[in-house]
Amino acid sequence: MSSELHAPEALHAALTALGNTLGDEKYALVGGSACTALGSERATQDIDFVVLRGQTPAVRQLLRDSPDFEVQAKTYHTWYRGAEPVDIEILAPPALFREKSLTKQPK
């Protein structure tokens, strides 16, 4: 991961590309990039986002297929290819956090 802090403008460009690339995939931004997406002027080093368990390979393929991102074959190191490259971290939740149905179950 890069130790360079990115200005909010560079992060907004990368976040926009990420949202466009992921389309209807379920994901959640976390960390400093989530604050930036909500309007914070905080600088951060990368974009971290969480995907549903088991979806990391599919999401990584979407990023690989996009001209906006680079995914290294052996290491899976991922970054946004903008004027200011931004590292991307794909996170998966531990087993403790499994997607649960929001509908009420009969008793």
N, C-alpha and C. Protein backbone atom coordinates (compact mmCIF):
# COMPACT_ATOMS: atom_id res chain seq x y z
N MET A 1 0.84 -1.17 0.00
CA MET A 1 0.00 0.00 0.00
C MET A 1 0.89 1.23 0.00
N SER A 2 0.49 2.24 -0.74
CA SER A 2 1.22 3.49 -0.82
C SER A 2 1.07 4.28 0.46
N SER A 3 2.10 5.02 0.84
CA SER A 3 2.01 5.87 2.03
C SER A 3 1.60 7.29 1.64
N GLU A 4 1.37 7.53 0.36
CA GLU A 4 0.99 8.85 -0.13
C GLU A 4 -0.47 9.15 0.20
N LEU A 5 -0.70 10.34 0.75
CA LEU A 5 -2.08 10.77 1.01
C LEU A 5 -2.64 11.40 -0.25
N HIS A 6 -3.88 11.08 -0.56
CA HIS A 6 -4.52 11.60 -1.76
C HIS A 6 -5.52 12.68 -1.40
N ALA A 7 -5.54 13.71 -2.22
CA ALA A 7 -6.50 14.80 -2.04
C ALA A 7 -7.91 14.29 -2.31
N PRO A 8 -8.91 14.92 -1.70
CA PRO A 8 -10.30 14.49 -1.92
C PRO A 8 -10.69 14.42 -3.40
N GLU A 9 -10.17 15.32 -4.23
CA GLU A 9 -10.53 15.32 -5.65
C GLU A 9 -10.10 14.02 -6.33
N ALA A 10 -8.88 13.56 -6.03
CA ALA A 10 -8.38 12.31 -6.61
C ALA A 10 -9.22 11.13 -6.12
N LEU A 11 -9.58 11.16 -4.85
CA LEU A 11 -10.41 10.08 -4.29
C LEU A 11 -11.80 10.09 -4.90
N HIS A 12 -12.37 11.28 -5.11
CA HIS A 12 -13.70 11.36 -5.73
C HIS A 12 -13.68 10.75 -7.13
N ALA A 13 -12.62 11.03 -7.90
CA ALA A 13 -12.52 10.46 -9.25
C ALA A 13 -12.45 8.93 -9.17
N ALA A 14 -11.64 8.42 -8.25
CA ALA A 14 -11.51 6.97 -8.10
C ALA A 14 -12.81 6.35 -7.59
N LEU A 15 -13.48 7.01 -6.65
CA LEU A 15 -14.74 6.50 -6.11
C LEU A 15 -15.83 6.48 -7.17
N THR A 16 -15.86 7.50 -8.02
CA THR A 16 -16.85 7.53 -9.11
C THR A 16 -16.61 6.37 -10.07
N ALA A 17 -15.35 6.16 -10.44
CA ALA A 17 -15.02 5.04 -11.33
C ALA A 17 -15.37 3.71 -10.68
N LEU A 18 -15.10 3.59 -9.38
CA LEU A 18 -15.42 2.35 -8.67
C LEU A 18 -16.92 2.09 -8.68
N GLY A 19 -17.71 3.10 -8.37
CA GLY A 19 -19.17 2.95 -8.37
C GLY A 19 -19.70 2.58 -9.74
N ASN A 20 -19.17 3.22 -10.78
CA ASN A 20 -19.60 2.91 -12.14
C ASN A 20 -19.23 1.49 -12.53
N THR A 21 -18.06 1.05 -12.12
CA THR A 21 -17.59 -0.29 -12.47
C THR A 21 -18.37 -1.38 -11.73
N LEU A 22 -18.65 -1.14 -10.46
CA LEU A 22 -19.33 -2.17 -9.66
C LEU A 22 -20.83 -2.22 -9.91
N GLY A 23 -21.40 -1.17 -10.44
CA GLY A 23 -22.81 -1.18 -10.80
C GLY A 23 -23.71 -1.61 -9.66
N ASP A 24 -24.42 -2.73 -9.83
CA ASP A 24 -25.38 -3.21 -8.84
C ASP A 24 -24.78 -4.16 -7.80
N GLU A 25 -23.47 -4.36 -7.83
CA GLU A 25 -22.84 -5.22 -6.82
C GLU A 25 -23.03 -4.61 -5.44
N LYS A 26 -23.21 -5.45 -4.44
CA LYS A 26 -23.32 -4.97 -3.06
C LYS A 26 -21.92 -4.80 -2.50
N TYR A 27 -21.66 -3.59 -1.97
CA TYR A 27 -20.38 -3.32 -1.33
C TYR A 27 -20.57 -2.16 -0.36
N ALA A 28 -19.61 -1.99 0.53
CA ALA A 28 -19.64 -0.89 1.49
C ALA A 28 -18.26 -0.27 1.57
N LEU A 29 -18.21 1.04 1.39
CA LEU A 29 -16.96 1.76 1.60
C LEU A 29 -16.68 1.82 3.09
N VAL A 30 -15.41 1.70 3.45
CA VAL A 30 -15.02 1.80 4.86
C VAL A 30 -13.79 2.68 4.97
N GLY A 31 -13.53 3.17 6.15
CA GLY A 31 -12.33 3.96 6.39
C GLY A 31 -12.42 5.38 5.87
N GLY A 32 -11.26 5.94 5.61
CA GLY A 32 -11.16 7.33 5.18
C GLY A 32 -11.87 7.63 3.89
N SER A 33 -11.87 6.68 2.96
CA SER A 33 -12.55 6.92 1.68
C SER A 33 -14.06 7.03 1.86
N ALA A 34 -14.61 6.33 2.85
CA ALA A 34 -16.04 6.45 3.15
C ALA A 34 -16.34 7.86 3.65
N CYS A 35 -15.45 8.39 4.49
CA CYS A 35 -15.62 9.77 4.97
C CYS A 35 -15.54 10.75 3.81
N THR A 36 -14.61 10.53 2.89
CA THR A 36 -14.48 11.41 1.73
C THR A 36 -15.74 11.36 0.88
N ALA A 37 -16.29 10.18 0.68
CA ALA A 37 -17.51 10.04 -0.12
C ALA A 37 -18.67 10.81 0.50
N LEU A 38 -18.63 10.96 1.82
CA LEU A 38 -19.70 11.68 2.53
C LEU A 38 -19.40 13.17 2.69
N GLY A 39 -18.31 13.64 2.06
CA GLY A 39 -18.04 15.07 2.05
C GLY A 39 -16.89 15.54 2.90
N SER A 40 -16.22 14.65 3.60
CA SER A 40 -15.09 15.05 4.42
C SER A 40 -13.93 15.50 3.53
N GLU A 41 -13.16 16.44 4.01
CA GLU A 41 -11.96 16.89 3.29
C GLU A 41 -10.73 16.11 3.75
N ARG A 42 -10.95 15.06 4.50
CA ARG A 42 -9.86 14.24 5.01
C ARG A 42 -9.11 13.57 3.86
N ALA A 43 -7.79 13.63 3.90
CA ALA A 43 -6.97 12.92 2.92
C ALA A 43 -6.76 11.49 3.42
N THR A 44 -6.66 10.56 2.51
CA THR A 44 -6.43 9.16 2.88
C THR A 44 -5.52 8.51 1.84
N GLN A 45 -4.99 7.35 2.17
CA GLN A 45 -4.02 6.67 1.31
C GLN A 45 -4.65 5.79 0.25
N ASP A 46 -5.83 5.26 0.51
CA ASP A 46 -6.39 4.29 -0.42
C ASP A 46 -7.90 4.24 -0.28
N ILE A 47 -8.51 3.38 -1.06
CA ILE A 47 -9.95 3.13 -0.97
C ILE A 47 -10.12 1.69 -0.49
N ASP A 48 -10.80 1.55 0.63
CA ASP A 48 -11.11 0.23 1.18
C ASP A 48 -12.60 0.00 1.03
N PHE A 49 -12.97 -1.17 0.53
CA PHE A 49 -14.39 -1.50 0.49
C PHE A 49 -14.58 -2.98 0.76
N VAL A 50 -15.73 -3.28 1.36
CA VAL A 50 -16.08 -4.65 1.76
C VAL A 50 -17.11 -5.19 0.78
N VAL A 51 -16.92 -6.44 0.37
CA VAL A 51 -17.89 -7.12 -0.50
C VAL A 51 -18.45 -8.32 0.26
N LEU A 52 -19.54 -8.85 -0.22
CA LEU A 52 -20.13 -10.02 0.41
C LEU A 52 -19.17 -11.21 0.35
N ARG A 53 -19.26 -12.08 1.35
CA ARG A 53 -18.41 -13.27 1.36
C ARG A 53 -18.58 -14.04 0.06
N GLY A 54 -17.46 -14.45 -0.50
CA GLY A 54 -17.48 -15.23 -1.73
C GLY A 54 -17.53 -14.40 -3.00
N GLN A 55 -17.67 -13.09 -2.89
CA GLN A 55 -17.79 -12.24 -4.07
C GLN A 55 -16.48 -11.57 -4.50
N THR A 56 -15.43 -11.74 -3.72
CA THR A 56 -14.16 -11.08 -4.04
C THR A 56 -13.68 -11.41 -5.45
N PRO A 57 -13.65 -12.68 -5.89
CA PRO A 57 -13.17 -12.96 -7.25
C PRO A 57 -14.02 -12.28 -8.33
N ALA A 58 -15.32 -12.26 -8.18
CA ALA A 58 -16.19 -11.64 -9.19
C ALA A 58 -15.98 -10.13 -9.23
N VAL A 59 -15.84 -9.52 -8.07
CA VAL A 59 -15.61 -8.07 -8.02
C VAL A 59 -14.24 -7.74 -8.59
N ARG A 60 -13.25 -8.54 -8.25
CA ARG A 60 -11.91 -8.31 -8.79
C ARG A 60 -11.93 -8.41 -10.33
N GLN A 61 -12.71 -9.34 -10.87
CA GLN A 61 -12.81 -9.48 -12.32
C GLN A 61 -13.46 -8.25 -12.95
N LEU A 62 -14.48 -7.69 -12.30
CA LEU A 62 -15.09 -6.46 -12.81
C LEU A 62 -14.06 -5.34 -12.88
N LEU A 63 -13.23 -5.22 -11.85
CA LEU A 63 -12.19 -4.20 -11.85
C LEU A 63 -11.15 -4.49 -12.94
N ARG A 64 -10.79 -5.75 -13.09
CA ARG A 64 -9.81 -6.14 -14.11
C ARG A 64 -10.33 -5.81 -15.52
N ASP A 65 -11.63 -5.97 -15.74
CA ASP A 65 -12.23 -5.72 -17.05
C ASP A 65 -12.40 -4.23 -17.36
N SER A 66 -12.31 -3.40 -16.34
CA SER A 66 -12.50 -1.96 -16.52
C SER A 66 -11.21 -1.28 -16.95
N PRO A 67 -11.28 -0.33 -17.88
CA PRO A 67 -10.08 0.41 -18.25
C PRO A 67 -9.62 1.38 -17.16
N ASP A 68 -10.44 1.58 -16.14
CA ASP A 68 -10.11 2.52 -15.07
C ASP A 68 -9.23 1.92 -13.97
N PHE A 69 -9.08 0.59 -13.97
CA PHE A 69 -8.36 -0.07 -12.89
C PHE A 69 -7.32 -1.03 -13.43
N GLU A 70 -6.30 -1.25 -12.62
CA GLU A 70 -5.26 -2.24 -12.92
C GLU A 70 -5.26 -3.25 -11.78
N VAL A 71 -5.24 -4.53 -12.13
CA VAL A 71 -5.16 -5.60 -11.13
C VAL A 71 -3.98 -6.48 -11.52
N GLN A 72 -2.95 -6.52 -10.68
CA GLN A 72 -1.79 -7.35 -10.98
C GLN A 72 -2.16 -8.82 -10.86
N ALA A 73 -1.70 -9.59 -11.83
CA ALA A 73 -2.08 -11.00 -11.93
C ALA A 73 -1.65 -11.84 -10.73
N LYS A 74 -0.42 -11.70 -10.29
CA LYS A 74 0.08 -12.59 -9.24
C LYS A 74 -0.25 -12.11 -7.83
N THR A 75 -0.24 -10.81 -7.62
CA THR A 75 -0.42 -10.28 -6.27
C THR A 75 -1.82 -9.74 -6.01
N TYR A 76 -2.60 -9.53 -7.06
CA TYR A 76 -3.92 -8.90 -6.98
C TYR A 76 -3.85 -7.45 -6.51
N HIS A 77 -2.64 -6.87 -6.47
CA HIS A 77 -2.54 -5.45 -6.11
C HIS A 77 -3.40 -4.67 -7.11
N THR A 78 -4.27 -3.83 -6.60
CA THR A 78 -5.26 -3.14 -7.43
C THR A 78 -5.15 -1.64 -7.21
N TRP A 79 -5.24 -0.89 -8.30
CA TRP A 79 -5.24 0.56 -8.18
C TRP A 79 -6.05 1.20 -9.29
N TYR A 80 -6.49 2.42 -9.00
CA TYR A 80 -7.20 3.26 -9.97
C TYR A 80 -6.16 3.89 -10.87
N ARG A 81 -6.39 3.88 -12.18
CA ARG A 81 -5.43 4.37 -13.16
C ARG A 81 -5.60 5.85 -13.49
N GLY A 82 -6.09 6.65 -12.62
CA GLY A 82 -6.32 8.06 -12.90
C GLY A 82 -5.03 8.85 -12.98
N ALA A 83 -5.17 10.17 -13.16
CA ALA A 83 -4.01 11.05 -13.20
C ALA A 83 -3.19 10.89 -11.92
N GLU A 84 -3.89 10.63 -10.82
CA GLU A 84 -3.25 10.33 -9.54
C GLU A 84 -3.69 8.91 -9.15
N PRO A 85 -2.85 7.90 -9.37
CA PRO A 85 -3.24 6.52 -9.04
C PRO A 85 -3.59 6.37 -7.56
N VAL A 86 -4.63 5.60 -7.29
CA VAL A 86 -5.09 5.37 -5.92
C VAL A 86 -5.19 3.86 -5.69
N ASP A 87 -4.55 3.38 -4.62
CA ASP A 87 -4.63 1.96 -4.28
C ASP A 87 -6.05 1.60 -3.87
N ILE A 88 -6.46 0.38 -4.24
CA ILE A 88 -7.79 -0.14 -3.93
C ILE A 88 -7.61 -1.42 -3.12
N GLU A 89 -8.31 -1.52 -2.00
CA GLU A 89 -8.27 -2.73 -1.17
C GLU A 89 -9.66 -3.33 -1.12
N ILE A 90 -9.79 -4.59 -1.56
CA ILE A 90 -11.06 -5.31 -1.50
C ILE A 90 -11.03 -6.17 -0.23
N LEU A 91 -12.00 -5.96 0.63
CA LEU A 91 -12.06 -6.68 1.89
C LEU A 91 -13.29 -7.59 1.91
N ALA A 92 -13.17 -8.71 2.58
CA ALA A 92 -14.31 -9.61 2.77
C ALA A 92 -14.55 -9.73 4.26
N PRO A 93 -15.81 -9.77 4.68
CA PRO A 93 -16.09 -9.85 6.11
C PRO A 93 -15.73 -11.22 6.67
N PRO A 94 -15.36 -11.26 7.95
CA PRO A 94 -15.12 -12.56 8.57
C PRO A 94 -16.44 -13.32 8.71
N ALA A 95 -16.36 -14.58 9.04
CA ALA A 95 -17.55 -15.43 9.13
C ALA A 95 -18.58 -14.87 10.11
N LEU A 96 -18.14 -14.10 11.09
CA LEU A 96 -19.04 -13.52 12.07
C LEU A 96 -20.11 -12.65 11.41
N PHE A 97 -19.75 -11.97 10.32
CA PHE A 97 -20.66 -11.05 9.65
C PHE A 97 -21.18 -11.68 8.37
N ARG A 98 -22.24 -12.41 8.45
CA ARG A 98 -22.85 -13.03 7.28
C ARG A 98 -24.10 -12.26 6.91
N GLU A 99 -24.37 -12.19 5.62
CA GLU A 99 -25.57 -11.50 5.17
C GLU A 99 -26.79 -12.24 5.71
N LYS A 100 -27.71 -11.50 6.32
CA LYS A 100 -28.93 -12.10 6.86
C LYS A 100 -30.13 -11.49 6.16
N SER A 101 -31.15 -12.28 6.03
CA SER A 101 -32.38 -11.81 5.41
C SER A 101 -33.02 -10.76 6.30
N LEU A 102 -33.55 -9.72 5.68
CA LEU A 102 -34.22 -8.67 6.43
C LEU A 102 -35.70 -8.95 6.61
N THR A 103 -36.20 -10.02 5.99
CA THR A 103 -37.62 -10.35 6.15
C THR A 103 -37.81 -11.15 7.43
N LYS A 104 -38.97 -10.96 8.04
CA LYS A 104 -39.27 -11.67 9.28
C LYS A 104 -39.56 -13.13 8.98
N GLN A 105 -39.02 -13.97 9.80
CA GLN A 105 -39.24 -15.41 9.67
C GLN A 105 -40.45 -15.80 10.52
N PRO A 106 -41.30 -16.70 10.05
CA PRO A 106 -42.44 -17.14 10.86
C PRO A 106 -41.96 -17.86 12.11
N LYS A 107 -42.72 -17.70 13.19
CA LYS A 107 -42.34 -18.33 14.46
C LYS A 107 -42.92 -19.70 14.58
